[in-house]
Amino acid sequence: SDNLMGYRGDLTVNLVITTLIIAGGLGFFV
């Protein structure tokens, strides 16, 4: 219900999620 605010300080969750976001946003050609 609070999205990922409960994991604000969790390094693993933050890095995994942001890496997946960036990878998806770069595009398959890149």
PDB file of all heavy atoms in Angstrom:
ATOM      1  N   SER A   1       0.822  -1.218   0.000  1.00  0.00           N
ATOM      2  CA  SER A   1       0.000   0.000   0.000  1.00  0.00           C
ATOM      3  C   SER A   1       0.850   1.260   0.000  1.00  0.00           C
ATOM      4  O   SER A   1       0.413   2.308  -0.487  1.00  0.00           O
ATOM      5  CB  SER A   1      -0.940   0.006   1.211  1.00  0.00           C
ATOM      6  OG  SER A   1      -0.199  -0.041   2.428  1.00  0.00           O
ATOM      7  N   ASP A   2       2.079   1.169   0.544  1.00  0.00           N
ATOM      8  CA  ASP A   2       2.964   2.332   0.550  1.00  0.00           C
ATOM      9  C   ASP A   2       4.049   2.211  -0.524  1.00  0.00           C
ATOM     10  O   ASP A   2       5.102   2.828  -0.426  1.00  0.00           O
ATOM     11  CB  ASP A   2       3.612   2.519   1.924  1.00  0.00           C
ATOM     12  CG  ASP A   2       4.469   1.325   2.342  1.00  0.00           C
ATOM     13  OD1 ASP A   2       4.427   0.295   1.636  1.00  0.00           O
ATOM     14  OD2 ASP A   2       5.179   1.427   3.355  1.00  0.00           O
ATOM     15  N   ASN A   3       3.752   1.409  -1.574  1.00  0.00           N
ATOM     16  CA  ASN A   3       4.693   1.155  -2.654  1.00  0.00           C
ATOM     17  C   ASN A   3       5.952   0.522  -2.079  1.00  0.00           C
ATOM     18  O   ASN A   3       5.868  -0.532  -1.473  1.00  0.00           O
ATOM     19  CB  ASN A   3       5.009   2.446  -3.418  1.00  0.00           C
ATOM     20  CG  ASN A   3       5.359   2.184  -4.872  1.00  0.00           C
ATOM     21  OD1 ASN A   3       6.364   1.566  -5.172  1.00  0.00           O
ATOM     22  ND2 ASN A   3       4.509   2.651  -5.778  1.00  0.00           N
ATOM     23  N   LEU A   4       7.144   1.147  -2.199  1.00  0.00           N
ATOM     24  CA  LEU A   4       8.376   0.570  -1.654  1.00  0.00           C
ATOM     25  C   LEU A   4       8.959   1.427  -0.526  1.00  0.00           C
ATOM     26  O   LEU A   4      10.144   1.322  -0.214  1.00  0.00           O
ATOM     27  CB  LEU A   4       9.418   0.403  -2.764  1.00  0.00           C
ATOM     28  CG  LEU A   4       9.076  -0.601  -3.858  1.00  0.00           C
ATOM     29  CD1 LEU A   4      10.185  -0.647  -4.905  1.00  0.00           C
ATOM     30  CD2 LEU A   4       8.841  -1.993  -3.281  1.00  0.00           C
ATOM     31  N   MET A   5       8.126   2.241   0.093  1.00  0.00           N
ATOM     32  CA  MET A   5       8.609   3.110   1.167  1.00  0.00           C
ATOM     33  C   MET A   5       9.119   2.304   2.357  1.00  0.00           C
ATOM     34  O   MET A   5      10.013   2.739   3.086  1.00  0.00           O
ATOM     35  CB  MET A   5       7.505   4.083   1.602  1.00  0.00           C
ATOM     36  CG  MET A   5       7.160   5.114   0.545  1.00  0.00           C
ATOM     37  SD  MET A   5       5.799   6.212   1.022  1.00  0.00           S
ATOM     38  CE  MET A   5       6.507   7.029   2.458  1.00  0.00           C
ATOM     39  N   GLY A   6       8.573   1.121   2.560  1.00  0.00           N
ATOM     40  CA  GLY A   6       9.021   0.269   3.655  1.00  0.00           C
ATOM     41  C   GLY A   6      10.415  -0.284   3.445  1.00  0.00           C
ATOM     42  O   GLY A   6      11.042  -0.782   4.385  1.00  0.00           O
ATOM     43  N   TYR A   7      10.916  -0.207   2.203  1.00  0.00           N
ATOM     44  CA  TYR A   7      12.257  -0.713   1.878  1.00  0.00           C
ATOM     45  C   TYR A   7      13.223   0.427   1.534  1.00  0.00           C
ATOM     46  O   TYR A   7      14.219   0.217   0.861  1.00  0.00           O
ATOM     47  CB  TYR A   7      12.172  -1.679   0.689  1.00  0.00           C
ATOM     48  CG  TYR A   7      11.366  -2.914   0.976  1.00  0.00           C
ATOM     49  CD1 TYR A   7      10.004  -2.950   0.703  1.00  0.00           C
ATOM     50  CD2 TYR A   7      11.955  -4.045   1.538  1.00  0.00           C
ATOM     51  CE1 TYR A   7       9.247  -4.084   0.977  1.00  0.00           C
ATOM     52  CE2 TYR A   7      11.218  -5.182   1.808  1.00  0.00           C
ATOM     53  CZ  TYR A   7       9.864  -5.200   1.525  1.00  0.00           C
ATOM     54  OH  TYR A   7       9.119  -6.313   1.793  1.00  0.00           O
ATOM     55  N   ARG A   8      12.911   1.615   2.021  1.00  0.00           N
ATOM     56  CA  ARG A   8      13.690   2.805   1.692  1.00  0.00           C
ATOM     57  C   ARG A   8      15.167   2.651   2.022  1.00  0.00           C
ATOM     58  O   ARG A   8      16.033   3.114   1.288  1.00  0.00           O
ATOM     59  CB  ARG A   8      13.111   3.997   2.445  1.00  0.00           C
ATOM     60  CG  ARG A   8      13.783   5.327   2.189  1.00  0.00           C
ATOM     61  CD  ARG A   8      13.031   6.417   2.915  1.00  0.00           C
ATOM     62  NE  ARG A   8      12.852   6.075   4.327  1.00  0.00           N
ATOM     63  CZ  ARG A   8      11.793   6.430   5.063  1.00  0.00           C
ATOM     64  NH1 ARG A   8      10.826   7.138   4.496  1.00  0.00           N
ATOM     65  NH2 ARG A   8      11.698   6.093   6.328  1.00  0.00           N
ATOM     66  N   GLY A   9      15.483   1.986   3.114  1.00  0.00           N
ATOM     67  CA  GLY A   9      16.873   1.839   3.525  1.00  0.00           C
ATOM     68  C   GLY A   9      17.482   0.502   3.174  1.00  0.00           C
ATOM     69  O   GLY A   9      18.634   0.235   3.550  1.00  0.00           O
ATOM     70  N   ASP A  10      16.746  -0.340   2.477  1.00  0.00           N
ATOM     71  CA  ASP A  10      17.240  -1.674   2.114  1.00  0.00           C
ATOM     72  C   ASP A  10      18.094  -1.569   0.855  1.00  0.00           C
ATOM     73  O   ASP A  10      17.584  -1.343  -0.247  1.00  0.00           O
ATOM     74  CB  ASP A  10      16.055  -2.617   1.884  1.00  0.00           C
ATOM     75  CG  ASP A  10      16.485  -4.073   1.788  1.00  0.00           C
ATOM     76  OD1 ASP A  10      17.392  -4.367   0.980  1.00  0.00           O
ATOM     77  OD2 ASP A  10      15.921  -4.914   2.503  1.00  0.00           O
ATOM     78  N   LEU A  11      19.402  -1.743   0.984  1.00  0.00           N
ATOM     79  CA  LEU A  11      20.319  -1.581  -0.137  1.00  0.00           C
ATOM     80  C   LEU A  11      20.044  -2.595  -1.242  1.00  0.00           C
ATOM     81  O   LEU A  11      20.054  -2.241  -2.428  1.00  0.00           O
ATOM     82  CB  LEU A  11      21.764  -1.709   0.355  1.00  0.00           C
ATOM     83  CG  LEU A  11      22.860  -1.469  -0.690  1.00  0.00           C
ATOM     84  CD1 LEU A  11      22.797  -0.041  -1.206  1.00  0.00           C
ATOM     85  CD2 LEU A  11      24.239  -1.770  -0.089  1.00  0.00           C
ATOM     86  N   THR A  12      19.791  -3.851  -0.864  1.00  0.00           N
ATOM     87  CA  THR A  12      19.566  -4.897  -1.860  1.00  0.00           C
ATOM     88  C   THR A  12      18.336  -4.611  -2.706  1.00  0.00           C
ATOM     89  O   THR A  12      18.394  -4.651  -3.943  1.00  0.00           O
ATOM     90  CB  THR A  12      19.415  -6.271  -1.178  1.00  0.00           C
ATOM     91  OG1 THR A  12      20.583  -6.564  -0.422  1.00  0.00           O
ATOM     92  CG2 THR A  12      19.198  -7.359  -2.210  1.00  0.00           C
ATOM     93  N   VAL A  13      17.226  -4.314  -2.052  1.00  0.00           N
ATOM     94  CA  VAL A  13      15.985  -4.035  -2.779  1.00  0.00           C
ATOM     95  C   VAL A  13      16.155  -2.822  -3.688  1.00  0.00           C
ATOM     96  O   VAL A  13      15.763  -2.840  -4.858  1.00  0.00           O
ATOM     97  CB  VAL A  13      14.814  -3.809  -1.793  1.00  0.00           C
ATOM     98  CG1 VAL A  13      13.581  -3.309  -2.546  1.00  0.00           C
ATOM     99  CG2 VAL A  13      14.492  -5.096  -1.048  1.00  0.00           C
ATOM    100  N   ASN A  14      16.762  -1.766  -3.170  1.00  0.00           N
ATOM    101  CA  ASN A  14      16.940  -0.542  -3.952  1.00  0.00           C
ATOM    102  C   ASN A  14      17.810  -0.766  -5.183  1.00  0.00           C
ATOM    103  O   ASN A  14      17.477  -0.335  -6.287  1.00  0.00           O
ATOM    104  CB  ASN A  14      17.549   0.559  -3.083  1.00  0.00           C
ATOM    105  CG  ASN A  14      16.516   1.290  -2.251  1.00  0.00           C
ATOM    106  OD1 ASN A  14      16.076   2.380  -2.606  1.00  0.00           O
ATOM    107  ND2 ASN A  14      16.130   0.682  -1.136  1.00  0.00           N
ATOM    108  N   LEU A  15      18.939  -1.440  -5.003  1.00  0.00           N
ATOM    109  CA  LEU A  15      19.849  -1.649  -6.123  1.00  0.00           C
ATOM    110  C   LEU A  15      19.283  -2.602  -7.158  1.00  0.00           C
ATOM    111  O   LEU A  15      19.450  -2.397  -8.367  1.00  0.00           O
ATOM    112  CB  LEU A  15      21.199  -2.160  -5.613  1.00  0.00           C
ATOM    113  CG  LEU A  15      22.026  -1.161  -4.793  1.00  0.00           C
ATOM    114  CD1 LEU A  15      23.369  -1.768  -4.411  1.00  0.00           C
ATOM    115  CD2 LEU A  15      22.234   0.144  -5.556  1.00  0.00           C
ATOM    116  N   VAL A  16      18.612  -3.661  -6.708  1.00  0.00           N
ATOM    117  CA  VAL A  16      18.018  -4.616  -7.641  1.00  0.00           C
ATOM    118  C   VAL A  16      16.915  -3.945  -8.461  1.00  0.00           C
ATOM    119  O   VAL A  16      16.869  -4.048  -9.698  1.00  0.00           O
ATOM    120  CB  VAL A  16      17.458  -5.843  -6.901  1.00  0.00           C
ATOM    121  CG1 VAL A  16      16.602  -6.697  -7.844  1.00  0.00           C
ATOM    122  CG2 VAL A  16      18.592  -6.684  -6.331  1.00  0.00           C
ATOM    123  N   ILE A  17      16.022  -3.231  -7.791  1.00  0.00           N
ATOM    124  CA  ILE A  17      14.896  -2.586  -8.471  1.00  0.00           C
ATOM    125  C   ILE A  17      15.391  -1.512  -9.442  1.00  0.00           C
ATOM    126  O   ILE A  17      14.956  -1.443 -10.599  1.00  0.00           O
ATOM    127  CB  ILE A  17      13.912  -1.975  -7.456  1.00  0.00           C
ATOM    128  CG1 ILE A  17      13.232  -3.073  -6.632  1.00  0.00           C
ATOM    129  CG2 ILE A  17      12.852  -1.129  -8.176  1.00  0.00           C
ATOM    130  CD1 ILE A  17      12.363  -4.011  -7.432  1.00  0.00           C
ATOM    131  N   THR A  18      16.318  -0.653  -8.981  1.00  0.00           N
ATOM    132  CA  THR A  18      16.801   0.416  -9.854  1.00  0.00           C
ATOM    133  C   THR A  18      17.585  -0.136 -11.042  1.00  0.00           C
ATOM    134  O   THR A  18      17.496   0.410 -12.148  1.00  0.00           O
ATOM    135  CB  THR A  18      17.683   1.410  -9.080  1.00  0.00           C
ATOM    136  OG1 THR A  18      18.731   0.704  -8.398  1.00  0.00           O
ATOM    137  CG2 THR A  18      16.854   2.192  -8.071  1.00  0.00           C
ATOM    138  N   THR A  19      18.345  -1.204 -10.833  1.00  0.00           N
ATOM    139  CA  THR A  19      19.089  -1.810 -11.943  1.00  0.00           C
ATOM    140  C   THR A  19      18.136  -2.369 -12.997  1.00  0.00           C
ATOM    141  O   THR A  19      18.368  -2.213 -14.208  1.00  0.00           O
ATOM    142  CB  THR A  19      20.013  -2.933 -11.433  1.00  0.00           C
ATOM    143  OG1 THR A  19      20.947  -2.383 -10.491  1.00  0.00           O
ATOM    144  CG2 THR A  19      20.781  -3.573 -12.578  1.00  0.00           C
ATOM    145  N   LEU A  20      17.064  -3.005 -12.553  1.00  0.00           N
ATOM    146  CA  LEU A  20      16.065  -3.533 -13.487  1.00  0.00           C
ATOM    147  C   LEU A  20      15.363  -2.402 -14.231  1.00  0.00           C
ATOM    148  O   LEU A  20      15.100  -2.500 -15.438  1.00  0.00           O
ATOM    149  CB  LEU A  20      15.041  -4.377 -12.729  1.00  0.00           C
ATOM    150  CG  LEU A  20      15.538  -5.729 -12.209  1.00  0.00           C
ATOM    151  CD1 LEU A  20      14.495  -6.360 -11.288  1.00  0.00           C
ATOM    152  CD2 LEU A  20      15.852  -6.664 -13.368  1.00  0.00           C
ATOM    153  N   ILE A  21      15.068  -1.314 -13.526  1.00  0.00           N
ATOM    154  CA  ILE A  21      14.422  -0.153 -14.157  1.00  0.00           C
ATOM    155  C   ILE A  21      15.313   0.419 -15.254  1.00  0.00           C
ATOM    156  O   ILE A  21      14.868   0.686 -16.371  1.00  0.00           O
ATOM    157  CB  ILE A  21      14.107   0.931 -13.111  1.00  0.00           C
ATOM    158  CG1 ILE A  21      13.011   0.453 -12.150  1.00  0.00           C
ATOM    159  CG2 ILE A  21      13.668   2.223 -13.794  1.00  0.00           C
ATOM    160  CD1 ILE A  21      12.820   1.359 -10.940  1.00  0.00           C
ATOM    161  N   ILE A  22      16.582   0.623 -14.914  1.00  0.00           N
ATOM    162  CA  ILE A  22      17.536   1.196 -15.877  1.00  0.00           C
ATOM    163  C   ILE A  22      17.720   0.271 -17.073  1.00  0.00           C
ATOM    164  O   ILE A  22      17.738   0.715 -18.229  1.00  0.00           O
ATOM    165  CB  ILE A  22      18.883   1.473 -15.189  1.00  0.00           C
ATOM    166  CG1 ILE A  22      18.719   2.563 -14.127  1.00  0.00           C
ATOM    167  CG2 ILE A  22      19.932   1.893 -16.208  1.00  0.00           C
ATOM    168  CD1 ILE A  22      19.926   2.730 -13.221  1.00  0.00           C
ATOM    169  N   ALA A  23      17.853  -1.037 -16.809  1.00  0.00           N
ATOM    170  CA  ALA A  23      18.043  -2.003 -17.894  1.00  0.00           C
ATOM    171  C   ALA A  23      16.853  -2.003 -18.842  1.00  0.00           C
ATOM    172  O   ALA A  23      17.022  -2.008 -20.072  1.00  0.00           O
ATOM    173  CB  ALA A  23      18.263  -3.395 -17.316  1.00  0.00           C
ATOM    174  N   GLY A  24      15.654  -1.993 -18.297  1.00  0.00           N
ATOM    175  CA  GLY A  24      14.464  -1.967 -19.141  1.00  0.00           C
ATOM    176  C   GLY A  24      14.344  -0.675 -19.917  1.00  0.00           C
ATOM    177  O   GLY A  24      13.902  -0.661 -21.073  1.00  0.00           O
ATOM    178  N   GLY A  25      14.759   0.435 -19.292  1.00  0.00           N
ATOM    179  CA  GLY A  25      14.649   1.737 -19.937  1.00  0.00           C
ATOM    180  C   GLY A  25      15.700   1.994 -20.995  1.00  0.00           C
ATOM    181  O   GLY A  25      15.502   2.829 -21.885  1.00  0.00           O
ATOM    182  N   LEU A  26      16.840   1.308 -20.943  1.00  0.00           N
ATOM    183  CA  LEU A  26      17.899   1.521 -21.928  1.00  0.00           C
ATOM    184  C   LEU A  26      17.475   1.078 -23.327  1.00  0.00           C
ATOM    185  O   LEU A  26      17.900   1.664 -24.324  1.00  0.00           O
ATOM    186  CB  LEU A  26      19.167   0.753 -21.524  1.00  0.00           C
ATOM    187  CG  LEU A  26      20.005   1.339 -20.389  1.00  0.00           C
ATOM    188  CD1 LEU A  26      21.158   0.408 -20.051  1.00  0.00           C
ATOM    189  CD2 LEU A  26      20.535   2.725 -20.752  1.00  0.00           C
ATOM    190  N   GLY A  27      16.667   0.058 -23.403  1.00  0.00           N
ATOM    191  CA  GLY A  27      16.241  -0.441 -24.708  1.00  0.00           C
ATOM    192  C   GLY A  27      17.000  -1.701 -25.082  1.00  0.00           C
ATOM    193  O   GLY A  27      18.171  -1.859 -24.749  1.00  0.00           O
ATOM    194  N   PHE A  28      16.338  -2.592 -25.784  1.00  0.00           N
ATOM    195  CA  PHE A  28      16.932  -3.892 -26.113  1.00  0.00           C
ATOM    196  C   PHE A  28      18.085  -3.765 -27.106  1.00  0.00           C
ATOM    197  O   PHE A  28      19.019  -4.563 -27.082  1.00  0.00           O
ATOM    198  CB  PHE A  28      15.848  -4.835 -26.644  1.00  0.00           C
ATOM    199  CG  PHE A  28      14.792  -5.139 -25.617  1.00  0.00           C
ATOM    200  CD1 PHE A  28      13.544  -4.543 -25.680  1.00  0.00           C
ATOM    201  CD2 PHE A  28      15.066  -6.005 -24.568  1.00  0.00           C
ATOM    202  CE1 PHE A  28      12.578  -4.808 -24.722  1.00  0.00           C
ATOM    203  CE2 PHE A  28      14.104  -6.282 -23.613  1.00  0.00           C
ATOM    204  CZ  PHE A  28      12.862  -5.679 -23.685  1.00  0.00           C
ATOM    205  N   PHE A  29      18.038  -2.769 -27.980  1.00  0.00           N
ATOM    206  CA  PHE A  29      19.140  -2.579 -28.920  1.00  0.00           C
ATOM    207  C   PHE A  29      20.415  -2.208 -28.169  1.00  0.00           C
ATOM    208  O   PHE A  29      21.495  -2.723 -28.469  1.00  0.00           O
ATOM    209  CB  PHE A  29      18.782  -1.479 -29.928  1.00  0.00           C
ATOM    210  CG  PHE A  29      19.894  -1.163 -30.889  1.00  0.00           C
ATOM    211  CD1 PHE A  29      20.113  -1.957 -32.010  1.00  0.00           C
ATOM    212  CD2 PHE A  29      20.736  -0.084 -30.671  1.00  0.00           C
ATOM    213  CE1 PHE A  29      21.150  -1.673 -32.892  1.00  0.00           C
ATOM    214  CE2 PHE A  29      21.771   0.203 -31.543  1.00  0.00           C
ATOM    215  CZ  PHE A  29      21.981  -0.592 -32.656  1.00  0.00           C
ATOM    216  N   VAL A  30      20.289  -1.311 -27.189  1.00  0.00           N
ATOM    217  CA  VAL A  30      21.448  -0.895 -26.404  1.00  0.00           C
ATOM    218  C   VAL A  30      21.954  -2.047 -25.542  1.00  0.00           C
ATOM    219  O   VAL A  30      23.160  -2.272 -25.446  1.00  0.00           O
ATOM    220  CB  VAL A  30      21.090   0.319 -25.519  1.00  0.00           C
ATOM    221  CG1 VAL A  30      22.258   0.675 -24.590  1.00  0.00           C
ATOM    222  CG2 VAL A  30      20.734   1.518 -26.381  1.00  0.00           C
TER     223      VAL A  30
END
